[in-house]
Amino acid sequence: YSSTCLKCTNLNDKTCEGVSETCKDNSKCFVKSDRSDFPGEHSSAIVKGCVDDTIICGYAGSLDIGGTNPATITTSIKCCDGDDCNSFGYD
């Protein structure tokens, strides 16, 4: 048995395009966001159990924000198992 972590082309796209990774049983989908104006820092969230629902697509892709501090926010969805998850600060 395996589940899939889905990916999308942009944050506003609710339709999935293909599969980014196949998760092993009991693994998690890891959602990571990086901001171009804060290199090396990222915000993260664990989605318990892998999902194969299009709702996750709202979290994948990139988004440009303007204003006085323009930046690009890139969000990716990956699979993690055991120690992989721990490296992101989750168990």
N, C-alpha and C. Protein backbone atom coordinates (compact mmCIF):
# COMPACT_ATOMS: atom_id res chain seq x y z
N TYR A 1 0.85 -1.20 0.00
CA TYR A 1 0.00 0.00 0.00
C TYR A 1 0.88 1.24 0.00
N SER A 2 0.54 2.20 -0.84
CA SER A 2 1.27 3.47 -0.83
C SER A 2 0.32 4.60 -1.18
N SER A 3 0.66 5.78 -0.74
CA SER A 3 -0.13 6.96 -1.05
C SER A 3 0.73 7.92 -1.84
N THR A 4 0.12 8.94 -2.37
CA THR A 4 0.88 9.89 -3.16
C THR A 4 0.77 11.29 -2.62
N CYS A 5 1.85 12.03 -2.71
CA CYS A 5 1.84 13.45 -2.40
C CYS A 5 1.68 14.18 -3.72
N LEU A 6 0.67 14.99 -3.83
CA LEU A 6 0.37 15.65 -5.10
C LEU A 6 1.04 17.00 -5.19
N LYS A 7 1.24 17.48 -6.41
CA LYS A 7 1.84 18.79 -6.60
C LYS A 7 1.03 19.59 -7.60
N CYS A 8 1.15 20.89 -7.54
CA CYS A 8 0.45 21.76 -8.45
C CYS A 8 1.41 22.81 -8.98
N THR A 9 0.96 23.53 -10.00
CA THR A 9 1.83 24.51 -10.62
C THR A 9 1.84 25.83 -9.87
N ASN A 10 0.77 26.18 -9.20
CA ASN A 10 0.76 27.44 -8.46
C ASN A 10 -0.21 27.39 -7.29
N LEU A 11 -0.11 28.37 -6.41
CA LEU A 11 -0.89 28.37 -5.18
C LEU A 11 -2.38 28.45 -5.41
N ASN A 12 -2.79 29.06 -6.53
CA ASN A 12 -4.21 29.26 -6.76
C ASN A 12 -4.84 28.14 -7.57
N ASP A 13 -4.01 27.19 -8.01
CA ASP A 13 -4.49 26.09 -8.84
C ASP A 13 -4.98 24.96 -7.95
N LYS A 14 -6.23 24.62 -8.04
CA LYS A 14 -6.78 23.56 -7.21
C LYS A 14 -6.82 22.23 -7.97
N THR A 15 -6.27 22.21 -9.18
CA THR A 15 -6.26 20.98 -9.96
C THR A 15 -4.86 20.38 -9.95
N CYS A 16 -4.75 19.13 -9.58
CA CYS A 16 -3.44 18.51 -9.45
C CYS A 16 -2.87 18.15 -10.81
N GLU A 17 -1.57 18.33 -10.93
CA GLU A 17 -0.86 17.94 -12.14
C GLU A 17 0.20 16.92 -11.78
N GLY A 18 -0.13 15.66 -11.94
CA GLY A 18 0.86 14.63 -11.70
C GLY A 18 1.14 14.40 -10.23
N VAL A 19 2.14 13.62 -9.98
CA VAL A 19 2.48 13.22 -8.62
C VAL A 19 3.95 13.55 -8.37
N SER A 20 4.23 14.18 -7.24
CA SER A 20 5.61 14.55 -6.96
C SER A 20 6.41 13.39 -6.40
N GLU A 21 5.83 12.66 -5.49
CA GLU A 21 6.52 11.52 -4.89
C GLU A 21 5.51 10.49 -4.44
N THR A 22 5.95 9.26 -4.34
CA THR A 22 5.11 8.20 -3.78
C THR A 22 5.58 7.91 -2.37
N CYS A 23 4.65 7.97 -1.43
CA CYS A 23 5.00 7.76 -0.03
C CYS A 23 4.87 6.29 0.34
N LYS A 24 5.77 5.85 1.21
CA LYS A 24 5.64 4.51 1.76
C LYS A 24 4.53 4.51 2.79
N ASP A 25 4.15 3.33 3.20
CA ASP A 25 3.11 3.18 4.20
C ASP A 25 3.50 3.94 5.47
N ASN A 26 2.55 4.61 6.08
CA ASN A 26 2.73 5.33 7.35
C ASN A 26 3.65 6.55 7.24
N SER A 27 3.95 6.98 6.03
CA SER A 27 4.79 8.17 5.92
C SER A 27 3.91 9.42 5.91
N LYS A 28 4.56 10.56 5.85
CA LYS A 28 3.83 11.81 5.92
C LYS A 28 4.16 12.69 4.73
N CYS A 29 3.24 13.53 4.39
CA CYS A 29 3.53 14.58 3.42
C CYS A 29 4.03 15.79 4.19
N PHE A 30 5.14 16.31 3.75
CA PHE A 30 5.75 17.45 4.42
C PHE A 30 5.60 18.69 3.54
N VAL A 31 4.99 19.72 4.09
CA VAL A 31 4.78 20.96 3.35
C VAL A 31 5.79 21.99 3.83
N LYS A 32 6.63 22.48 2.94
CA LYS A 32 7.69 23.41 3.31
C LYS A 32 7.57 24.69 2.48
N SER A 33 7.63 25.83 3.14
CA SER A 33 7.56 27.12 2.45
C SER A 33 8.86 27.88 2.62
N ASP A 34 9.41 28.38 1.52
CA ASP A 34 10.62 29.18 1.56
C ASP A 34 10.33 30.57 1.00
N ARG A 35 10.84 31.59 1.69
CA ARG A 35 10.71 32.96 1.19
C ARG A 35 12.05 33.44 0.67
N SER A 36 12.04 34.02 -0.52
CA SER A 36 13.29 34.45 -1.14
C SER A 36 13.95 35.59 -0.37
N ASP A 37 13.18 36.34 0.42
CA ASP A 37 13.77 37.45 1.16
C ASP A 37 14.34 37.02 2.51
N PHE A 38 14.11 35.77 2.89
CA PHE A 38 14.70 35.23 4.12
C PHE A 38 15.38 33.91 3.80
N PRO A 39 16.53 33.93 3.14
CA PRO A 39 17.19 32.69 2.74
C PRO A 39 17.54 31.81 3.94
N GLY A 40 17.30 30.53 3.80
CA GLY A 40 17.66 29.60 4.86
C GLY A 40 16.57 29.41 5.90
N GLU A 41 15.62 30.31 5.94
CA GLU A 41 14.52 30.16 6.88
C GLU A 41 13.32 29.61 6.14
N HIS A 42 12.58 28.74 6.80
CA HIS A 42 11.36 28.25 6.17
C HIS A 42 10.31 27.91 7.22
N SER A 43 9.09 27.99 6.81
CA SER A 43 8.00 27.55 7.67
C SER A 43 7.55 26.19 7.15
N SER A 44 7.05 25.38 8.05
CA SER A 44 6.78 24.00 7.70
C SER A 44 5.50 23.52 8.36
N ALA A 45 4.94 22.50 7.77
CA ALA A 45 3.77 21.85 8.37
C ALA A 45 3.77 20.40 7.93
N ILE A 46 3.39 19.53 8.82
CA ILE A 46 3.28 18.11 8.48
C ILE A 46 1.81 17.80 8.24
N VAL A 47 1.55 17.13 7.15
CA VAL A 47 0.21 16.62 6.90
C VAL A 47 0.24 15.15 7.31
N LYS A 48 -0.47 14.82 8.37
CA LYS A 48 -0.41 13.47 8.91
C LYS A 48 -0.97 12.48 7.89
N GLY A 49 -0.13 11.52 7.52
CA GLY A 49 -0.54 10.57 6.51
C GLY A 49 -0.53 11.23 5.16
N CYS A 50 -0.22 10.49 4.14
CA CYS A 50 -0.19 11.10 2.82
C CYS A 50 -1.60 11.32 2.31
N VAL A 51 -1.74 12.28 1.45
CA VAL A 51 -3.05 12.62 0.93
C VAL A 51 -3.07 12.45 -0.58
N ASP A 52 -4.21 12.08 -1.08
CA ASP A 52 -4.36 12.00 -2.53
C ASP A 52 -5.59 12.80 -2.93
N ASP A 53 -5.81 13.88 -2.21
CA ASP A 53 -6.96 14.74 -2.44
C ASP A 53 -6.47 16.06 -3.01
N THR A 54 -7.24 16.67 -3.88
CA THR A 54 -6.80 17.89 -4.53
C THR A 54 -6.68 19.07 -3.58
N ILE A 55 -7.22 18.97 -2.37
CA ILE A 55 -7.16 20.09 -1.44
C ILE A 55 -5.73 20.49 -1.13
N ILE A 56 -4.81 19.52 -1.14
CA ILE A 56 -3.41 19.82 -0.83
C ILE A 56 -2.81 20.74 -1.89
N CYS A 57 -3.41 20.79 -3.05
CA CYS A 57 -2.85 21.60 -4.13
C CYS A 57 -2.81 23.07 -3.78
N GLY A 58 -3.65 23.50 -2.87
CA GLY A 58 -3.63 24.90 -2.47
C GLY A 58 -2.33 25.31 -1.79
N TYR A 59 -1.50 24.34 -1.42
CA TYR A 59 -0.28 24.64 -0.69
C TYR A 59 0.98 24.48 -1.53
N ALA A 60 0.82 24.13 -2.81
CA ALA A 60 2.00 23.82 -3.61
C ALA A 60 2.19 24.82 -4.73
N GLY A 61 3.42 25.19 -4.97
CA GLY A 61 3.72 26.10 -6.07
C GLY A 61 4.48 27.31 -5.59
N SER A 62 4.39 28.38 -6.35
CA SER A 62 5.09 29.60 -5.95
C SER A 62 4.15 30.80 -6.07
N LEU A 63 4.44 31.81 -5.28
CA LEU A 63 3.59 32.99 -5.22
C LEU A 63 4.49 34.21 -5.08
N ASP A 64 4.31 35.19 -5.94
CA ASP A 64 5.08 36.42 -5.84
C ASP A 64 4.30 37.45 -5.04
N ILE A 65 4.96 38.04 -4.05
CA ILE A 65 4.32 39.11 -3.28
C ILE A 65 5.07 40.41 -3.54
N GLY A 66 4.34 41.48 -3.72
CA GLY A 66 4.95 42.77 -4.03
C GLY A 66 5.05 43.65 -2.81
N GLY A 67 4.87 44.94 -3.01
CA GLY A 67 4.97 45.87 -1.90
C GLY A 67 6.39 46.36 -1.71
N THR A 68 6.68 46.83 -0.51
CA THR A 68 8.00 47.40 -0.24
C THR A 68 9.07 46.31 -0.12
N ASN A 69 8.66 45.09 0.17
CA ASN A 69 9.60 43.98 0.28
C ASN A 69 9.17 42.84 -0.64
N PRO A 70 9.36 43.00 -1.94
CA PRO A 70 8.92 41.96 -2.86
C PRO A 70 9.67 40.65 -2.63
N ALA A 71 8.97 39.56 -2.77
CA ALA A 71 9.59 38.26 -2.53
C ALA A 71 8.80 37.19 -3.26
N THR A 72 9.42 36.06 -3.42
CA THR A 72 8.74 34.89 -3.95
C THR A 72 8.66 33.84 -2.85
N ILE A 73 7.46 33.33 -2.63
CA ILE A 73 7.27 32.26 -1.68
C ILE A 73 7.11 30.96 -2.46
N THR A 74 8.00 30.01 -2.20
CA THR A 74 7.94 28.73 -2.89
C THR A 74 7.56 27.65 -1.91
N THR A 75 6.54 26.92 -2.23
CA THR A 75 6.05 25.87 -1.34
C THR A 75 6.17 24.52 -2.05
N SER A 76 6.73 23.56 -1.36
CA SER A 76 6.87 22.23 -1.94
C SER A 76 6.29 21.19 -1.00
N ILE A 77 5.86 20.10 -1.56
CA ILE A 77 5.32 18.99 -0.79
C ILE A 77 6.21 17.79 -1.02
N LYS A 78 6.75 17.24 0.06
CA LYS A 78 7.64 16.10 -0.04
C LYS A 78 7.15 15.00 0.88
N CYS A 79 7.69 13.82 0.68
CA CYS A 79 7.42 12.72 1.59
C CYS A 79 8.56 12.61 2.58
N CYS A 80 8.24 12.22 3.80
CA CYS A 80 9.30 11.96 4.77
C CYS A 80 8.93 10.73 5.56
N ASP A 81 9.94 9.98 5.96
CA ASP A 81 9.76 8.77 6.77
C ASP A 81 10.72 8.82 7.94
N GLY A 82 10.23 8.60 9.13
CA GLY A 82 11.09 8.44 10.30
C GLY A 82 12.08 9.56 10.49
N ASP A 83 13.37 9.25 10.35
CA ASP A 83 14.42 10.22 10.61
C ASP A 83 14.34 11.41 9.66
N ASP A 84 13.84 11.19 8.45
CA ASP A 84 13.65 12.30 7.53
C ASP A 84 12.77 13.37 8.15
N CYS A 85 11.67 12.94 8.75
CA CYS A 85 10.75 13.88 9.38
C CYS A 85 11.43 14.60 10.54
N ASN A 86 12.26 13.88 11.29
CA ASN A 86 12.92 14.48 12.44
C ASN A 86 13.85 15.60 12.04
N SER A 87 14.43 15.50 10.86
CA SER A 87 15.36 16.54 10.43
C SER A 87 14.64 17.86 10.19
N PHE A 88 13.32 17.80 10.04
CA PHE A 88 12.54 19.02 9.87
C PHE A 88 11.97 19.49 11.19
N GLY A 89 12.35 18.82 12.29
CA GLY A 89 11.85 19.22 13.59
C GLY A 89 10.54 18.58 13.96
N TYR A 90 10.18 17.51 13.28
CA TYR A 90 8.93 16.81 13.59
C TYR A 90 9.24 15.35 13.88
N ASP A 91 8.38 14.73 14.64
CA ASP A 91 8.57 13.30 14.85
C ASP A 91 7.34 12.52 14.41
